[in-house]
Amino acid sequence: MDKIRDSYQHSYALCLRLGIAGVVIGLVVGILATIFGRTLLYVGELRSVALPYLLPFLGLAGLVIVFFYQRFGKEAQKGMALIFEVAQGDSKTIPLRLIPLVMVSTWLTHLFGGSAGREGVAVQLGATISHRFNAYFTFPHSAQVLLVTGMAAGFAGLFQTPLAALFFALEVITIGNLQLYALIPCLFAVYTASSFSHLLGLEKFSHLLSFTQNLTVEVFLKCIFLGLLFGLTGNLFVFLQSLLKKQATRYLKNPYWRIVVMGALLSLALALAHFGRYAGLGTNLIEASFSNHQIYGYDFLLKLLFTTLTLAAGFQGGEVTPLFAIGASLGAVLAPIFGLPIELVAAAGYISVFASATNTLLAPMMIGGEVFGFQNLPFFAIVVIISYMLDRRQSIYGLQRIASMGE
């Protein structure tokens, strides 16, 4: 019993300090997430208006990104990999230069039409800020505790889904092992960052479903099949992302040549494919999936392909919002086949492809509740569980670890 009782036990004084640290980290990260997020929205609007003039120069924008990282990046070039290394104790420092590098390079990627996300940037921003607080705390695993807190704050500040952000940060580092030692500061950080970014005017996507799906035996079986299809899609994303990065590095070893050649090809392909439909975050596909607008049967596949190519070339951004778009557009296509409401299946796809690609279980369920309403959580949970369990050996986070049975 002593072992159980002492596992995550902190003194009350330390709990108070951690709670205060969570609030401060949440405030700072909330401000940064708002600056990053609102600028990204403006960049997206500008791209939509001037796409014919911007898209041809995607490759040239890539040269600027590579120059910045080669000239100033050093350890920051690792991006999310560096965050995982520090969280797992394999590296010690996250340089502050990561913040301007990842923000500016992501804005450039989106301005000129690259197909990428934003979550990875927010998580890196949060982790970099919270890492500085380690100098003020001396207790076991302090670096890891504060890093996870910053990751949670970054996710929460950008997406304004605090419960999802909390569980995402707790479970993403090691599959099957929640980082419960960070629970207190994370709790305060996510609600502070989410509330503050909302107060500062950052938009939140939500689409509350007006109905509750009954779970009959037939619906349960449909959930299983949907989970398998969404899980396969998430795994395909991870497989292609890894394969394309390896092949791009193999055939185009010089990062400048790699990004300019692939950027030029992407410009042409994005122009030919419904002229920019698959550029940027993919929020256009998400909105179409929930508003009865045109969704093509191949939308999810092309968005998947363009996003993996963009990131393999060396452009910056995250994967999560494109994963949402891929899942939602696939769900909108599958819904009539399964005889289920389009909004419901699109919502299930939105969270389940994300679950499969990130190897997270609780965070996607919370996203389902916070974005689409908790009344359909049982439906979402079944689909997410199947999607998550399909194959946990693959992840968009290459340094993610799997907990042993003894942990």
Protein backbone atom coordinates (compact mmCIF):
# COMPACT_ATOMS: atom_id res chain seq x y z
CA MET A 1 0.00 0.00 0.00
CA ASP A 2 2.92 2.34 0.63
CA LYS A 3 3.94 2.03 -3.01
CA ILE A 4 0.46 2.99 -4.20
CA ARG A 5 0.08 5.83 -1.72
CA ASP A 6 3.46 7.39 -2.53
CA SER A 7 3.35 7.12 -6.33
CA TYR A 8 2.35 10.69 -7.16
CA GLN A 9 2.19 12.24 -3.71
CA HIS A 10 3.43 15.83 -3.41
CA SER A 11 3.39 18.05 -0.34
CA TYR A 12 0.55 20.55 -0.11
CA ALA A 13 3.03 23.40 -0.45
CA LEU A 14 4.41 21.92 -3.67
CA CYS A 15 0.89 21.31 -5.00
CA LEU A 16 0.12 24.98 -4.40
CA ARG A 17 3.29 26.05 -6.21
CA LEU A 18 2.52 23.73 -9.10
CA GLY A 19 -1.01 25.10 -9.35
CA ILE A 20 0.31 28.66 -9.47
CA ALA A 21 2.91 27.63 -12.05
CA GLY A 22 0.13 26.07 -14.14
CA VAL A 23 -1.82 29.35 -14.09
CA VAL A 24 1.24 31.41 -15.08
CA ILE A 25 2.22 28.97 -17.82
CA GLY A 26 -1.38 28.96 -19.04
CA LEU A 27 -1.44 32.76 -19.24
CA VAL A 28 1.85 33.09 -21.12
CA VAL A 29 1.14 30.19 -23.47
CA GLY A 30 -2.42 31.42 -24.00
CA ILE A 31 -1.05 34.76 -25.21
CA LEU A 32 1.45 33.06 -27.53
CA ALA A 33 -1.18 30.65 -28.87
CA THR A 34 -3.48 33.59 -29.59
CA ILE A 35 -0.77 35.52 -31.44
CA PHE A 36 0.13 32.43 -33.45
CA GLY A 37 -3.47 31.32 -34.07
CA ARG A 38 -4.93 34.69 -35.02
CA THR A 39 -2.03 35.46 -37.33
CA LEU A 40 -2.47 32.05 -38.93
CA LEU A 41 -6.16 32.79 -39.53
CA TYR A 42 -5.22 36.10 -41.16
CA VAL A 43 -2.60 34.32 -43.28
CA GLY A 44 -5.24 31.81 -44.39
CA GLU A 45 -7.64 34.58 -45.40
CA LEU A 46 -4.88 36.34 -47.34
CA ARG A 47 -3.96 33.11 -49.10
CA SER A 48 -7.57 32.49 -50.10
CA VAL A 49 -7.80 35.93 -51.69
CA ALA A 50 -4.41 35.91 -53.42
CA LEU A 51 -3.84 32.19 -54.03
CA PRO A 52 -3.06 32.52 -57.78
CA TYR A 53 -0.25 34.93 -56.92
CA LEU A 54 1.12 33.06 -53.89
CA LEU A 55 0.88 29.35 -54.73
CA PRO A 56 3.57 29.40 -57.50
CA PHE A 57 6.12 30.59 -54.93
CA LEU A 58 5.66 27.77 -52.40
CA GLY A 59 9.07 26.34 -53.27
CA LEU A 60 10.79 29.70 -52.82
CA ALA A 61 9.11 30.14 -49.44
CA GLY A 62 10.52 26.73 -48.58
CA LEU A 63 14.03 27.96 -49.29
CA VAL A 64 13.53 30.73 -46.73
CA ILE A 65 12.30 28.20 -44.16
CA VAL A 66 15.28 25.90 -44.69
CA PHE A 67 17.70 28.84 -44.52
CA PHE A 68 16.24 29.97 -41.19
CA TYR A 69 16.53 26.49 -39.69
CA GLN A 70 19.99 25.80 -41.13
CA ARG A 71 21.33 29.19 -40.03
CA PHE A 72 19.65 29.61 -36.65
CA GLY A 73 17.97 26.31 -35.77
CA LYS A 74 20.66 24.08 -34.23
CA GLU A 75 18.78 21.81 -31.78
CA ALA A 76 15.48 23.51 -32.67
CA GLN A 77 15.59 21.79 -36.07
CA LYS A 78 14.31 18.61 -34.37
CA GLY A 79 10.93 20.24 -33.65
CA MET A 80 8.52 17.86 -31.92
CA ALA A 81 11.26 15.23 -31.67
CA LEU A 82 13.18 17.55 -29.35
CA ILE A 83 10.09 17.97 -27.15
CA PHE A 84 9.80 14.19 -26.82
CA GLU A 85 13.52 13.83 -26.11
CA VAL A 86 13.32 16.31 -23.23
CA ALA A 87 10.10 14.75 -21.92
CA GLN A 88 11.79 11.34 -21.89
CA GLY A 89 15.00 12.66 -20.32
CA ASP A 90 17.19 12.12 -23.40
CA SER A 91 17.85 15.85 -23.93
CA LYS A 92 18.11 18.71 -21.47
CA THR A 93 17.40 21.98 -23.27
CA ILE A 94 14.77 23.52 -25.56
CA PRO A 95 16.20 26.75 -27.02
CA LEU A 96 13.99 29.83 -27.04
CA ARG A 97 14.85 30.37 -30.71
CA LEU A 98 12.44 27.53 -31.46
CA ILE A 99 9.50 29.90 -30.85
CA PRO A 100 10.10 32.46 -33.64
CA LEU A 101 11.44 29.79 -35.99
CA VAL A 102 8.43 27.48 -35.81
CA MET A 103 5.89 30.33 -35.82
CA VAL A 104 7.32 32.21 -38.83
CA SER A 105 8.03 29.06 -40.84
CA THR A 106 4.49 27.78 -40.27
CA TRP A 107 3.00 31.12 -41.33
CA LEU A 108 5.10 30.98 -44.52
CA THR A 109 4.01 27.40 -45.21
CA HIS A 110 0.34 28.35 -44.95
CA LEU A 111 0.65 31.68 -46.75
CA PHE A 112 2.00 30.04 -49.88
CA GLY A 113 -0.43 27.12 -49.89
CA GLY A 114 1.27 24.27 -48.05
CA SER A 115 -1.04 21.60 -46.66
CA ALA A 116 -0.18 21.44 -42.96
CA GLY A 117 -1.63 21.86 -39.49
CA ARG A 118 -0.91 23.91 -36.40
CA GLU A 119 -1.14 21.68 -33.30
CA GLY A 120 2.52 20.68 -33.37
CA VAL A 121 3.47 24.34 -33.31
CA ALA A 122 1.26 25.12 -30.31
CA VAL A 123 2.62 22.15 -28.38
CA GLN A 124 6.20 23.20 -29.14
CA LEU A 125 5.48 26.78 -28.05
CA GLY A 126 3.95 25.62 -24.78
CA ALA A 127 6.77 23.18 -24.04
CA THR A 128 9.44 25.78 -24.76
CA ILE A 129 7.86 28.31 -22.41
CA SER A 130 7.17 25.87 -19.57
CA HIS A 131 10.69 24.46 -19.83
CA ARG A 132 12.04 27.80 -18.55
CA PHE A 133 10.19 27.28 -15.25
CA ASN A 134 12.39 24.31 -14.39
CA ALA A 135 14.95 26.68 -12.86
CA TYR A 136 12.45 27.54 -10.09
CA PHE A 137 11.49 23.99 -9.04
CA THR A 138 13.54 21.26 -7.39
CA PHE A 139 11.68 17.99 -7.08
CA PRO A 140 11.85 14.63 -8.88
CA HIS A 141 10.89 14.78 -12.57
CA SER A 142 10.39 18.56 -12.42
CA ALA A 143 11.53 19.02 -16.05
CA GLN A 144 9.06 16.41 -17.28
CA VAL A 145 6.21 17.75 -15.14
CA LEU A 146 6.59 21.30 -16.44
CA LEU A 147 7.16 20.18 -20.03
CA VAL A 148 3.94 18.16 -20.07
CA THR A 149 2.17 21.16 -18.52
CA GLY A 150 3.35 23.40 -21.35
CA MET A 151 2.31 20.86 -23.99
CA ALA A 152 -1.16 20.74 -22.49
CA ALA A 153 -1.38 24.55 -22.32
CA GLY A 154 -0.34 24.91 -25.96
CA PHE A 155 -2.97 22.46 -27.16
CA ALA A 156 -5.64 24.04 -24.96
CA GLY A 157 -4.78 27.61 -25.94
CA LEU A 158 -5.06 26.87 -29.65
CA PHE A 159 -8.04 24.50 -29.77
CA GLN A 160 -9.84 25.60 -26.58
CA THR A 161 -10.66 22.02 -25.64
CA PRO A 162 -9.14 21.92 -22.14
CA LEU A 163 -10.10 18.36 -21.18
CA ALA A 164 -8.78 17.00 -24.47
CA ALA A 165 -5.59 19.02 -24.04
CA LEU A 166 -5.15 17.70 -20.50
CA PHE A 167 -5.39 14.04 -21.52
CA PHE A 168 -3.44 14.54 -24.75
CA ALA A 169 -0.39 15.80 -22.85
CA LEU A 170 -0.74 13.13 -20.16
CA GLU A 171 -0.95 10.19 -22.56
CA VAL A 172 0.98 11.11 -25.73
CA ILE A 173 4.54 10.72 -24.39
CA THR A 174 4.23 7.05 -23.47
CA ILE A 175 1.46 4.85 -24.86
CA GLY A 176 -0.40 3.15 -22.03
CA ASN A 177 1.10 5.24 -19.24
CA LEU A 178 -0.52 8.48 -18.08
CA GLN A 179 1.94 11.09 -16.80
CA LEU A 180 -0.10 11.62 -13.64
CA TYR A 181 2.70 13.43 -11.85
CA ALA A 182 1.79 16.46 -14.02
CA LEU A 183 -1.93 16.34 -13.33
CA ILE A 184 -2.21 19.36 -11.01
CA PRO A 185 -0.29 21.96 -13.04
CA CYS A 186 -1.83 20.64 -16.27
CA LEU A 187 -5.35 21.08 -14.90
CA PHE A 188 -4.74 24.72 -14.05
CA ALA A 189 -2.76 25.39 -17.24
CA VAL A 190 -5.33 24.05 -19.71
CA TYR A 191 -8.26 25.98 -18.32
CA THR A 192 -6.21 29.15 -17.99
CA ALA A 193 -4.80 28.94 -21.53
CA SER A 194 -8.14 28.02 -23.06
CA SER A 195 -10.07 30.76 -21.27
CA PHE A 196 -7.44 33.40 -21.91
CA SER A 197 -7.07 32.70 -25.64
CA HIS A 198 -10.86 32.80 -25.94
CA LEU A 199 -10.93 36.10 -24.08
CA LEU A 200 -8.33 37.47 -26.51
CA GLY A 201 -10.55 36.57 -29.47
CA LEU A 202 -9.12 33.32 -30.80
CA GLU A 203 -11.79 31.28 -32.58
CA LYS A 204 -12.91 27.84 -31.43
CA PHE A 205 -14.45 25.26 -33.72
CA SER A 206 -17.53 23.55 -32.30
CA HIS A 207 -20.52 21.87 -33.88
CA LEU A 208 -22.91 20.59 -31.24
CA LEU A 209 -25.07 17.75 -32.52
CA SER A 210 -28.76 18.24 -31.83
CA PHE A 211 -29.58 14.54 -31.45
CA THR A 212 -28.49 11.46 -29.52
CA GLN A 213 -27.73 8.23 -31.36
CA ASN A 214 -29.23 5.13 -29.75
CA LEU A 215 -26.75 2.25 -29.37
CA THR A 216 -28.50 -0.84 -30.69
CA VAL A 217 -26.66 -4.06 -31.60
CA GLU A 218 -26.74 -2.99 -35.25
CA VAL A 219 -25.27 0.44 -34.46
CA PHE A 220 -22.62 -1.16 -32.25
CA LEU A 221 -21.47 -3.35 -35.15
CA LYS A 222 -21.42 -0.34 -37.45
CA CYS A 223 -19.22 1.45 -34.90
CA ILE A 224 -16.73 -1.41 -35.08
CA PHE A 225 -16.51 -1.27 -38.88
CA LEU A 226 -16.22 2.52 -38.83
CA GLY A 227 -13.45 2.30 -36.25
CA LEU A 228 -11.55 -0.14 -38.47
CA LEU A 229 -11.84 2.14 -41.52
CA PHE A 230 -10.83 5.26 -39.60
CA GLY A 231 -7.98 3.36 -37.95
CA LEU A 232 -6.67 2.18 -41.30
CA THR A 233 -6.82 5.76 -42.58
CA GLY A 234 -4.82 7.05 -39.61
CA ASN A 235 -2.25 4.30 -40.10
CA LEU A 236 -2.04 5.09 -43.81
CA PHE A 237 -1.27 8.71 -42.96
CA VAL A 238 1.57 7.68 -40.63
CA PHE A 239 2.92 5.11 -43.09
CA LEU A 240 2.98 7.58 -45.98
CA GLN A 241 4.46 10.33 -43.83
CA SER A 242 7.35 8.07 -42.81
CA LEU A 243 7.84 6.61 -46.29
CA LEU A 244 7.80 9.96 -48.10
CA LYS A 245 10.24 11.53 -45.63
CA LYS A 246 12.68 8.64 -46.12
CA GLN A 247 12.38 8.69 -49.91
CA ALA A 248 12.63 12.47 -50.12
CA THR A 249 15.80 12.41 -48.00
CA ARG A 250 17.21 9.53 -50.01
CA TYR A 251 16.74 11.04 -53.48
CA LEU A 252 17.09 14.72 -52.57
CA LYS A 253 19.74 14.80 -49.86
CA ASN A 254 20.28 18.55 -49.95
CA PRO A 255 17.44 20.15 -47.90
CA TYR A 256 17.40 23.24 -50.16
CA TRP A 257 16.95 21.20 -53.33
CA ARG A 258 14.45 18.94 -51.57
CA ILE A 259 12.12 21.71 -50.49
CA VAL A 260 12.33 23.79 -53.68
CA VAL A 261 11.75 20.82 -56.02
CA MET A 262 8.97 19.29 -53.94
CA GLY A 263 7.51 22.74 -53.30
CA ALA A 264 7.31 23.45 -57.03
CA LEU A 265 5.64 20.10 -57.68
CA LEU A 266 3.22 20.71 -54.82
CA SER A 267 2.33 24.12 -56.23
CA LEU A 268 1.42 22.55 -59.56
CA ALA A 269 -0.49 19.65 -58.01
CA LEU A 270 -2.42 21.88 -55.58
CA ALA A 271 -3.39 24.15 -58.45
CA LEU A 272 -4.63 21.26 -60.58
CA ALA A 273 -6.57 19.64 -57.70
CA HIS A 274 -9.57 21.99 -57.46
CA PHE A 275 -7.16 24.93 -57.26
CA GLY A 276 -6.21 25.09 -53.62
CA ARG A 277 -8.99 22.98 -52.12
CA TYR A 278 -6.35 20.97 -50.25
CA ALA A 279 -4.09 23.89 -49.25
CA GLY A 280 -3.79 25.07 -45.66
CA LEU A 281 -5.33 23.50 -42.60
CA GLY A 282 -8.28 21.75 -44.23
CA THR A 283 -10.91 23.67 -42.28
CA ASN A 284 -12.80 24.12 -45.56
CA LEU A 285 -13.27 20.35 -45.72
CA ILE A 286 -14.32 20.24 -42.07
CA GLU A 287 -16.94 22.96 -42.62
CA ALA A 288 -18.22 21.23 -45.76
CA SER A 289 -18.54 17.92 -43.90
CA PHE A 290 -20.88 19.45 -41.33
CA SER A 291 -22.87 21.78 -43.57
CA ASN A 292 -24.11 19.54 -46.41
CA HIS A 293 -21.71 21.18 -48.88
CA GLN A 294 -19.92 19.23 -51.60
CA ILE A 295 -17.62 16.50 -50.33
CA TYR A 296 -15.95 14.32 -52.94
CA GLY A 297 -15.21 10.67 -52.31
CA TYR A 298 -11.50 11.33 -52.81
CA ASP A 299 -11.23 14.46 -50.62
CA PHE A 300 -9.87 12.59 -47.62
CA LEU A 301 -7.27 10.78 -49.73
CA LEU A 302 -5.98 13.86 -51.51
CA LYS A 303 -5.79 15.84 -48.27
CA LEU A 304 -3.87 12.96 -46.74
CA LEU A 305 -1.46 12.84 -49.68
CA PHE A 306 -0.86 16.58 -49.88
CA THR A 307 -0.26 16.90 -46.14
CA THR A 308 2.26 14.05 -45.99
CA LEU A 309 4.07 15.45 -49.06
CA THR A 310 4.16 18.97 -47.58
CA LEU A 311 5.71 17.78 -44.34
CA ALA A 312 8.08 15.36 -46.08
CA ALA A 313 9.42 18.25 -48.17
CA GLY A 314 10.45 20.11 -45.01
CA PHE A 315 7.64 22.63 -44.63
CA GLN A 316 6.50 23.39 -41.09
CA GLY A 317 3.20 22.94 -39.25
CA GLY A 318 1.38 20.15 -37.51
CA GLU A 319 -0.72 17.19 -38.55
CA VAL A 320 -3.73 17.30 -36.27
CA THR A 321 -6.07 19.71 -38.09
CA PRO A 322 -5.44 17.94 -41.43
CA LEU A 323 -6.18 14.66 -39.61
CA PHE A 324 -9.46 16.18 -38.41
CA ALA A 325 -10.25 17.20 -42.00
CA ILE A 326 -9.34 13.77 -43.38
CA GLY A 327 -11.51 12.00 -40.82
CA ALA A 328 -14.48 14.34 -41.18
CA SER A 329 -14.53 14.20 -44.98
CA LEU A 330 -14.18 10.40 -44.95
CA GLY A 331 -16.98 10.17 -42.39
CA ALA A 332 -19.26 12.30 -44.56
CA VAL A 333 -18.72 9.83 -47.41
CA LEU A 334 -19.20 6.72 -45.27
CA ALA A 335 -22.34 7.91 -43.44
CA PRO A 336 -24.88 7.17 -46.25
CA ILE A 337 -23.28 3.74 -46.80
CA PHE A 338 -23.75 2.85 -43.12
CA GLY A 339 -27.18 4.46 -42.89
CA LEU A 340 -26.16 6.85 -40.12
CA PRO A 341 -26.44 10.66 -39.84
CA ILE A 342 -23.68 12.43 -41.78
CA GLU A 343 -22.82 14.81 -38.93
CA LEU A 344 -22.45 11.92 -36.48
CA VAL A 345 -20.12 9.85 -38.65
CA ALA A 346 -18.16 12.93 -39.73
CA ALA A 347 -17.64 13.75 -36.05
CA ALA A 348 -16.56 10.17 -35.33
CA GLY A 349 -14.08 10.34 -38.20
CA TYR A 350 -12.83 13.72 -37.02
CA ILE A 351 -11.67 12.24 -33.72
CA SER A 352 -10.92 8.63 -34.68
CA VAL A 353 -8.39 9.23 -37.44
CA PHE A 354 -6.62 11.54 -34.98
CA ALA A 355 -6.73 8.77 -32.34
CA SER A 356 -5.19 6.25 -34.72
CA ALA A 357 -2.43 8.52 -36.00
CA THR A 358 -1.40 9.84 -32.56
CA ASN A 359 -1.97 6.70 -30.47
CA THR A 360 -4.10 8.62 -28.00
CA LEU A 361 -7.34 7.28 -26.55
CA LEU A 362 -8.79 9.63 -23.95
CA ALA A 363 -7.98 12.91 -25.72
CA PRO A 364 -10.01 12.07 -28.86
CA MET A 365 -13.00 11.09 -26.73
CA MET A 366 -12.80 14.42 -24.92
CA ILE A 367 -12.55 16.26 -28.24
CA GLY A 368 -15.72 14.46 -29.29
CA GLY A 369 -17.50 15.71 -26.19
CA GLU A 370 -16.11 19.25 -26.13
CA VAL A 371 -16.60 19.91 -29.84
CA PHE A 372 -19.69 17.86 -30.72
CA GLY A 373 -21.46 17.39 -27.38
CA PHE A 374 -21.18 14.72 -24.70
CA GLN A 375 -24.55 13.15 -25.40
CA ASN A 376 -23.01 10.96 -28.13
CA LEU A 377 -19.89 10.05 -26.15
CA PRO A 378 -20.77 6.30 -26.02
CA PHE A 379 -20.94 6.20 -29.83
CA PHE A 380 -17.68 8.13 -30.15
CA ALA A 381 -15.95 5.98 -27.53
CA ILE A 382 -16.62 2.70 -29.35
CA VAL A 383 -15.35 4.01 -32.69
CA VAL A 384 -12.28 5.61 -31.09
CA ILE A 385 -11.38 2.45 -29.14
CA ILE A 386 -11.42 0.30 -32.29
CA SER A 387 -9.46 2.90 -34.24
CA TYR A 388 -6.92 3.28 -31.44
CA MET A 389 -6.41 -0.48 -30.96
CA LEU A 390 -5.91 -1.30 -34.64
CA ASP A 391 -2.14 -0.79 -34.75
CA ARG A 392 -0.27 1.14 -32.07
CA ARG A 393 3.19 0.53 -33.54
CA GLN A 394 2.78 3.55 -35.83
CA SER A 395 2.49 7.20 -34.84
CA ILE A 396 3.06 10.65 -36.27
CA TYR A 397 5.34 11.10 -33.25
CA GLY A 398 8.34 8.97 -34.07
CA LEU A 399 9.80 9.05 -30.54
CA GLN A 400 6.59 7.98 -28.80
CA ARG A 401 7.21 5.05 -26.48
CA ILE A 402 5.05 2.09 -25.46
CA ALA A 403 4.84 1.34 -21.73
CA SER A 404 5.90 -2.14 -20.67
CA MET A 405 3.48 -4.32 -18.74
CA GLY A 406 5.36 -3.60 -15.54
CA GLU A 407 5.03 0.21 -15.77
